[in-house]
Amino acid sequence: MTPRLSVALLLWLGLGCGPGLEEGRAKDASPPDLRPDRSAAERPARDQTPPVDAWACREHFATNYDHVAQGRATICGGHACAVGSGDDLGLYNTAVGTYLRETRKGYFELGRCP
């Protein structure tokens, strides 16, 4: 081992010269990530609040055919109807495009997000 490498290794391990040495040994020679687990009293308190529902309105613009293909609408009597609300989107074809808003997971309504 070269002198430069050994000095760098000692510094990395915290074994360099300084106040941490006692009788030729380092006070705490292990790297911070290898030290024993701290007691419960020393650990920072974890946030105990429940997670906030992160759902936000999502807009989907597509043809009625594509809305059905993507599972956002179903075919109802030659028309496309939104999944959840049942809103009539118009003819089930590739010529009519509509906006659907997903107000909660799996629930679609005709229109755009506010």
N, C-alpha and C. Protein backbone atom coordinates (compact mmCIF):
# COMPACT_ATOMS: atom_id res chain seq x y z
N MET A 1 0.86 -1.16 0.00
CA MET A 1 0.00 0.00 0.00
C MET A 1 0.90 1.22 0.00
N THR A 2 0.62 2.17 -0.85
CA THR A 2 1.44 3.37 -0.92
C THR A 2 1.12 4.28 0.25
N PRO A 3 2.10 5.11 0.65
CA PRO A 3 1.86 6.01 1.79
C PRO A 3 0.66 6.93 1.56
N ARG A 4 0.50 7.45 0.35
CA ARG A 4 -0.61 8.36 0.08
C ARG A 4 -1.94 7.63 0.24
N LEU A 5 -2.02 6.41 -0.25
CA LEU A 5 -3.25 5.64 -0.16
C LEU A 5 -3.55 5.27 1.29
N SER A 6 -2.53 4.90 2.04
CA SER A 6 -2.77 4.51 3.43
C SER A 6 -3.23 5.70 4.27
N VAL A 7 -2.71 6.90 4.01
CA VAL A 7 -3.16 8.09 4.74
C VAL A 7 -4.60 8.39 4.38
N ALA A 8 -4.95 8.29 3.09
CA ALA A 8 -6.33 8.55 2.66
C ALA A 8 -7.27 7.53 3.28
N LEU A 9 -6.84 6.27 3.36
CA LEU A 9 -7.67 5.23 3.96
C LEU A 9 -7.87 5.49 5.44
N LEU A 10 -6.80 5.88 6.15
CA LEU A 10 -6.92 6.20 7.57
C LEU A 10 -7.84 7.38 7.81
N LEU A 11 -7.75 8.40 6.97
CA LEU A 11 -8.63 9.56 7.12
C LEU A 11 -10.08 9.16 6.86
N TRP A 12 -10.28 8.33 5.86
CA TRP A 12 -11.65 7.88 5.54
C TRP A 12 -12.24 7.08 6.69
N LEU A 13 -11.43 6.28 7.33
CA LEU A 13 -11.91 5.48 8.46
C LEU A 13 -11.97 6.28 9.75
N GLY A 14 -11.50 7.51 9.72
CA GLY A 14 -11.51 8.31 10.93
C GLY A 14 -10.38 7.98 11.87
N LEU A 15 -9.31 7.40 11.35
CA LEU A 15 -8.18 6.99 12.19
C LEU A 15 -7.01 7.95 12.10
N GLY A 16 -7.23 9.11 11.52
CA GLY A 16 -6.15 10.07 11.40
C GLY A 16 -5.74 10.62 12.74
N CYS A 17 -4.67 11.41 12.77
CA CYS A 17 -4.21 12.01 14.02
C CYS A 17 -5.23 13.03 14.49
N GLY A 18 -5.40 13.12 15.77
CA GLY A 18 -6.32 14.12 16.29
C GLY A 18 -6.93 13.68 17.59
N PRO A 19 -7.88 14.45 18.10
CA PRO A 19 -8.45 14.19 19.41
C PRO A 19 -9.22 12.88 19.51
N GLY A 20 -9.52 12.22 18.42
CA GLY A 20 -10.28 10.97 18.48
C GLY A 20 -9.43 9.78 18.88
N LEU A 21 -8.14 9.94 18.99
CA LEU A 21 -7.26 8.81 19.30
C LEU A 21 -7.06 8.68 20.81
N GLU A 22 -7.17 7.48 21.31
CA GLU A 22 -6.91 7.21 22.71
C GLU A 22 -6.03 5.97 22.79
N GLU A 23 -4.88 6.11 23.35
CA GLU A 23 -3.93 5.01 23.51
C GLU A 23 -3.69 4.28 22.19
N GLY A 24 -3.53 5.05 21.09
CA GLY A 24 -3.20 4.45 19.80
C GLY A 24 -4.39 3.89 19.05
N ARG A 25 -5.57 3.97 19.62
CA ARG A 25 -6.76 3.46 18.94
C ARG A 25 -7.75 4.59 18.74
N ALA A 26 -8.52 4.51 17.70
CA ALA A 26 -9.54 5.53 17.45
C ALA A 26 -10.71 5.27 18.37
N LYS A 27 -11.35 6.35 18.82
CA LYS A 27 -12.51 6.24 19.71
C LYS A 27 -13.64 5.49 19.01
N ASP A 28 -13.91 5.82 17.76
CA ASP A 28 -14.96 5.14 16.99
C ASP A 28 -14.41 4.92 15.59
N ALA A 29 -13.85 3.76 15.34
CA ALA A 29 -13.13 3.51 14.10
C ALA A 29 -14.04 3.11 12.95
N SER A 30 -15.27 2.76 13.20
CA SER A 30 -16.12 2.31 12.09
C SER A 30 -16.72 3.49 11.37
N PRO A 31 -16.89 3.38 10.04
CA PRO A 31 -17.53 4.46 9.27
C PRO A 31 -18.96 4.67 9.77
N PRO A 32 -19.51 5.87 9.56
CA PRO A 32 -20.84 6.19 10.09
C PRO A 32 -21.93 5.19 9.68
N ASP A 33 -21.88 4.67 8.48
CA ASP A 33 -22.94 3.76 8.05
C ASP A 33 -22.79 2.35 8.62
N LEU A 34 -21.67 2.04 9.28
CA LEU A 34 -21.47 0.72 9.87
C LEU A 34 -21.57 0.73 11.39
N ARG A 35 -21.84 1.88 11.97
CA ARG A 35 -21.96 1.98 13.42
C ARG A 35 -23.22 1.26 13.89
N PRO A 36 -23.22 0.79 15.13
CA PRO A 36 -24.42 0.13 15.65
C PRO A 36 -25.61 1.08 15.63
N ASP A 37 -26.80 0.51 15.53
CA ASP A 37 -28.04 1.28 15.48
C ASP A 37 -28.20 2.10 16.75
N ARG A 38 -28.69 3.32 16.57
CA ARG A 38 -28.92 4.19 17.73
C ARG A 38 -30.14 3.70 18.51
N SER A 39 -30.18 4.05 19.77
CA SER A 39 -31.33 3.67 20.58
C SER A 39 -32.55 4.47 20.14
N ALA A 40 -33.74 4.02 20.54
CA ALA A 40 -34.98 4.67 20.14
C ALA A 40 -35.02 6.12 20.61
N ALA A 41 -34.42 6.40 21.74
CA ALA A 41 -34.42 7.77 22.26
C ALA A 41 -33.57 8.70 21.40
N GLU A 42 -32.53 8.16 20.77
CA GLU A 42 -31.65 8.98 19.95
C GLU A 42 -32.15 9.16 18.53
N ARG A 43 -33.02 8.28 18.06
CA ARG A 43 -33.52 8.36 16.69
C ARG A 43 -34.48 9.53 16.54
N PRO A 44 -34.43 10.21 15.38
CA PRO A 44 -35.40 11.28 15.16
C PRO A 44 -36.81 10.69 15.02
N ALA A 45 -37.80 11.42 15.52
CA ALA A 45 -39.19 10.94 15.44
C ALA A 45 -39.65 10.91 14.00
N ARG A 46 -40.38 9.87 13.62
CA ARG A 46 -40.92 9.77 12.27
C ARG A 46 -42.27 10.45 12.22
N ASP A 47 -42.57 10.97 11.06
CA ASP A 47 -43.85 11.63 10.87
C ASP A 47 -44.94 10.57 10.89
N GLN A 48 -45.88 10.69 11.82
CA GLN A 48 -46.93 9.70 11.98
C GLN A 48 -48.23 10.09 11.28
N THR A 49 -48.21 11.20 10.54
CA THR A 49 -49.43 11.61 9.85
C THR A 49 -49.69 10.70 8.66
N PRO A 50 -50.96 10.37 8.38
CA PRO A 50 -51.26 9.52 7.23
C PRO A 50 -50.93 10.23 5.93
N PRO A 51 -50.62 9.49 4.88
CA PRO A 51 -50.29 10.13 3.61
C PRO A 51 -51.51 10.87 3.05
N VAL A 52 -51.24 11.98 2.41
CA VAL A 52 -52.30 12.78 1.80
C VAL A 52 -52.67 12.15 0.47
N ASP A 53 -53.97 12.10 0.19
CA ASP A 53 -54.43 11.55 -1.08
C ASP A 53 -53.94 12.48 -2.19
N ALA A 54 -53.06 11.98 -3.03
CA ALA A 54 -52.42 12.80 -4.04
C ALA A 54 -53.18 12.81 -5.36
N TRP A 55 -54.43 12.39 -5.37
CA TRP A 55 -55.19 12.34 -6.62
C TRP A 55 -55.50 13.73 -7.10
N ALA A 56 -55.29 13.96 -8.36
CA ALA A 56 -55.64 15.23 -9.00
C ALA A 56 -56.43 14.92 -10.26
N CYS A 57 -57.29 15.81 -10.64
CA CYS A 57 -58.08 15.63 -11.85
C CYS A 57 -57.15 15.45 -13.05
N ARG A 58 -57.48 14.50 -13.91
CA ARG A 58 -56.67 14.23 -15.11
C ARG A 58 -57.56 14.33 -16.34
N GLU A 59 -57.06 15.00 -17.36
CA GLU A 59 -57.80 15.17 -18.60
C GLU A 59 -57.32 14.19 -19.66
N HIS A 60 -58.26 13.70 -20.43
CA HIS A 60 -57.93 12.81 -21.55
C HIS A 60 -58.71 13.30 -22.76
N PHE A 61 -58.00 13.65 -23.84
CA PHE A 61 -58.67 14.00 -25.09
C PHE A 61 -58.36 12.93 -26.11
N ALA A 62 -59.39 12.38 -26.70
CA ALA A 62 -59.21 11.33 -27.71
C ALA A 62 -60.52 11.17 -28.47
N THR A 63 -60.47 10.36 -29.51
CA THR A 63 -61.71 10.01 -30.19
C THR A 63 -62.51 9.08 -29.30
N ASN A 64 -63.79 8.99 -29.53
CA ASN A 64 -64.61 8.11 -28.71
C ASN A 64 -64.17 6.65 -28.86
N TYR A 65 -63.72 6.30 -30.06
CA TYR A 65 -63.20 4.95 -30.30
C TYR A 65 -62.00 4.68 -29.37
N ASP A 66 -61.09 5.66 -29.28
CA ASP A 66 -59.90 5.49 -28.44
C ASP A 66 -60.23 5.48 -26.95
N HIS A 67 -61.23 6.29 -26.54
CA HIS A 67 -61.66 6.25 -25.14
C HIS A 67 -62.13 4.84 -24.76
N VAL A 68 -62.89 4.21 -25.66
CA VAL A 68 -63.36 2.84 -25.41
C VAL A 68 -62.17 1.88 -25.39
N ALA A 69 -61.26 2.03 -26.35
CA ALA A 69 -60.08 1.14 -26.42
C ALA A 69 -59.21 1.26 -25.17
N GLN A 70 -59.13 2.44 -24.57
CA GLN A 70 -58.30 2.67 -23.39
C GLN A 70 -59.03 2.37 -22.08
N GLY A 71 -60.31 2.00 -22.16
CA GLY A 71 -61.06 1.63 -20.96
C GLY A 71 -61.70 2.80 -20.22
N ARG A 72 -61.69 3.98 -20.83
CA ARG A 72 -62.31 5.14 -20.20
C ARG A 72 -63.79 5.25 -20.53
N ALA A 73 -64.24 4.52 -21.55
CA ALA A 73 -65.64 4.55 -21.97
C ALA A 73 -66.06 3.16 -22.43
N THR A 74 -67.36 2.97 -22.51
CA THR A 74 -67.93 1.71 -23.01
C THR A 74 -68.88 2.04 -24.15
N ILE A 75 -69.23 1.03 -24.91
CA ILE A 75 -70.19 1.21 -26.00
C ILE A 75 -71.59 1.03 -25.42
N CYS A 76 -72.46 2.00 -25.68
CA CYS A 76 -73.85 1.90 -25.21
C CYS A 76 -74.79 2.35 -26.33
N GLY A 77 -75.35 1.39 -27.04
CA GLY A 77 -76.32 1.69 -28.11
C GLY A 77 -75.75 2.48 -29.28
N GLY A 78 -74.56 2.19 -29.73
CA GLY A 78 -73.96 2.91 -30.86
C GLY A 78 -73.24 4.19 -30.44
N HIS A 79 -73.32 4.53 -29.18
CA HIS A 79 -72.63 5.70 -28.63
C HIS A 79 -71.55 5.22 -27.67
N ALA A 80 -70.70 6.15 -27.27
CA ALA A 80 -69.71 5.86 -26.24
C ALA A 80 -70.20 6.53 -24.96
N CYS A 81 -70.10 5.80 -23.85
CA CYS A 81 -70.50 6.33 -22.54
C CYS A 81 -69.33 6.24 -21.57
N ALA A 82 -69.12 7.30 -20.80
CA ALA A 82 -68.01 7.37 -19.87
C ALA A 82 -68.15 6.33 -18.76
N VAL A 83 -67.04 5.68 -18.41
CA VAL A 83 -67.02 4.71 -17.33
C VAL A 83 -67.19 5.46 -16.01
N GLY A 84 -68.09 4.99 -15.19
CA GLY A 84 -68.33 5.62 -13.89
C GLY A 84 -69.56 6.50 -13.92
N SER A 85 -69.49 7.61 -14.64
CA SER A 85 -70.62 8.55 -14.67
C SER A 85 -71.69 8.13 -15.66
N GLY A 86 -71.31 7.39 -16.72
CA GLY A 86 -72.27 7.01 -17.74
C GLY A 86 -72.61 8.13 -18.71
N ASP A 87 -71.89 9.25 -18.66
CA ASP A 87 -72.15 10.37 -19.57
C ASP A 87 -72.05 9.93 -21.01
N ASP A 88 -73.01 10.37 -21.85
CA ASP A 88 -73.02 10.06 -23.28
C ASP A 88 -72.01 10.95 -23.98
N LEU A 89 -71.05 10.34 -24.64
CA LEU A 89 -69.99 11.09 -25.32
C LEU A 89 -70.31 11.36 -26.78
N GLY A 90 -71.31 10.70 -27.30
CA GLY A 90 -71.65 10.85 -28.71
C GLY A 90 -71.39 9.54 -29.44
N LEU A 91 -71.41 9.61 -30.76
CA LEU A 91 -71.26 8.41 -31.57
C LEU A 91 -69.94 7.70 -31.31
N TYR A 92 -70.02 6.38 -31.34
CA TYR A 92 -68.82 5.54 -31.17
C TYR A 92 -68.15 5.44 -32.53
N ASN A 93 -67.19 6.32 -32.80
CA ASN A 93 -66.44 6.28 -34.06
C ASN A 93 -65.11 7.01 -33.88
N THR A 94 -64.37 7.10 -34.98
CA THR A 94 -63.05 7.74 -34.92
C THR A 94 -63.11 9.20 -35.33
N ALA A 95 -64.29 9.71 -35.67
CA ALA A 95 -64.41 11.10 -36.13
C ALA A 95 -64.74 12.06 -34.99
N VAL A 96 -65.32 11.56 -33.91
CA VAL A 96 -65.75 12.42 -32.81
C VAL A 96 -64.71 12.36 -31.70
N GLY A 97 -64.18 13.52 -31.34
CA GLY A 97 -63.23 13.59 -30.24
C GLY A 97 -63.84 14.31 -29.05
N THR A 98 -63.58 13.84 -27.86
CA THR A 98 -64.14 14.44 -26.66
C THR A 98 -63.11 14.49 -25.54
N TYR A 99 -63.35 15.39 -24.61
CA TYR A 99 -62.56 15.47 -23.39
C TYR A 99 -63.26 14.66 -22.31
N LEU A 100 -62.49 13.85 -21.62
CA LEU A 100 -62.96 13.17 -20.42
C LEU A 100 -62.07 13.62 -19.27
N ARG A 101 -62.68 13.86 -18.13
CA ARG A 101 -61.90 14.16 -16.93
C ARG A 101 -62.04 13.00 -15.97
N GLU A 102 -60.93 12.59 -15.41
CA GLU A 102 -60.91 11.51 -14.42
C GLU A 102 -60.82 12.17 -13.06
N THR A 103 -61.95 12.22 -12.36
CA THR A 103 -62.01 12.94 -11.09
C THR A 103 -61.53 12.11 -9.92
N ARG A 104 -61.58 10.82 -10.04
CA ARG A 104 -60.97 9.89 -9.09
C ARG A 104 -60.63 8.63 -9.89
N LYS A 105 -59.83 7.79 -9.35
CA LYS A 105 -59.32 6.63 -10.09
C LYS A 105 -60.48 5.80 -10.65
N GLY A 106 -60.51 5.69 -11.99
CA GLY A 106 -61.49 4.86 -12.66
C GLY A 106 -62.87 5.48 -12.83
N TYR A 107 -63.03 6.77 -12.49
CA TYR A 107 -64.33 7.46 -12.63
C TYR A 107 -64.15 8.62 -13.60
N PHE A 108 -64.86 8.54 -14.74
CA PHE A 108 -64.70 9.53 -15.82
C PHE A 108 -65.99 10.29 -16.03
N GLU A 109 -65.83 11.58 -16.34
CA GLU A 109 -66.96 12.45 -16.63
C GLU A 109 -66.67 13.21 -17.92
N LEU A 110 -67.71 13.56 -18.65
CA LEU A 110 -67.56 14.35 -19.86
C LEU A 110 -67.11 15.76 -19.47
N GLY A 111 -66.09 16.28 -20.13
CA GLY A 111 -65.63 17.64 -19.88
C GLY A 111 -64.17 17.71 -19.49
N ARG A 112 -63.76 18.94 -19.15
CA ARG A 112 -62.36 19.20 -18.80
C ARG A 112 -62.22 19.46 -17.32
N CYS A 113 -61.01 19.33 -16.83
CA CYS A 113 -60.73 19.60 -15.42
C CYS A 113 -60.85 21.10 -15.14
N PRO A 114 -61.28 21.44 -13.94
CA PRO A 114 -61.41 22.86 -13.59
C PRO A 114 -60.07 23.56 -13.52
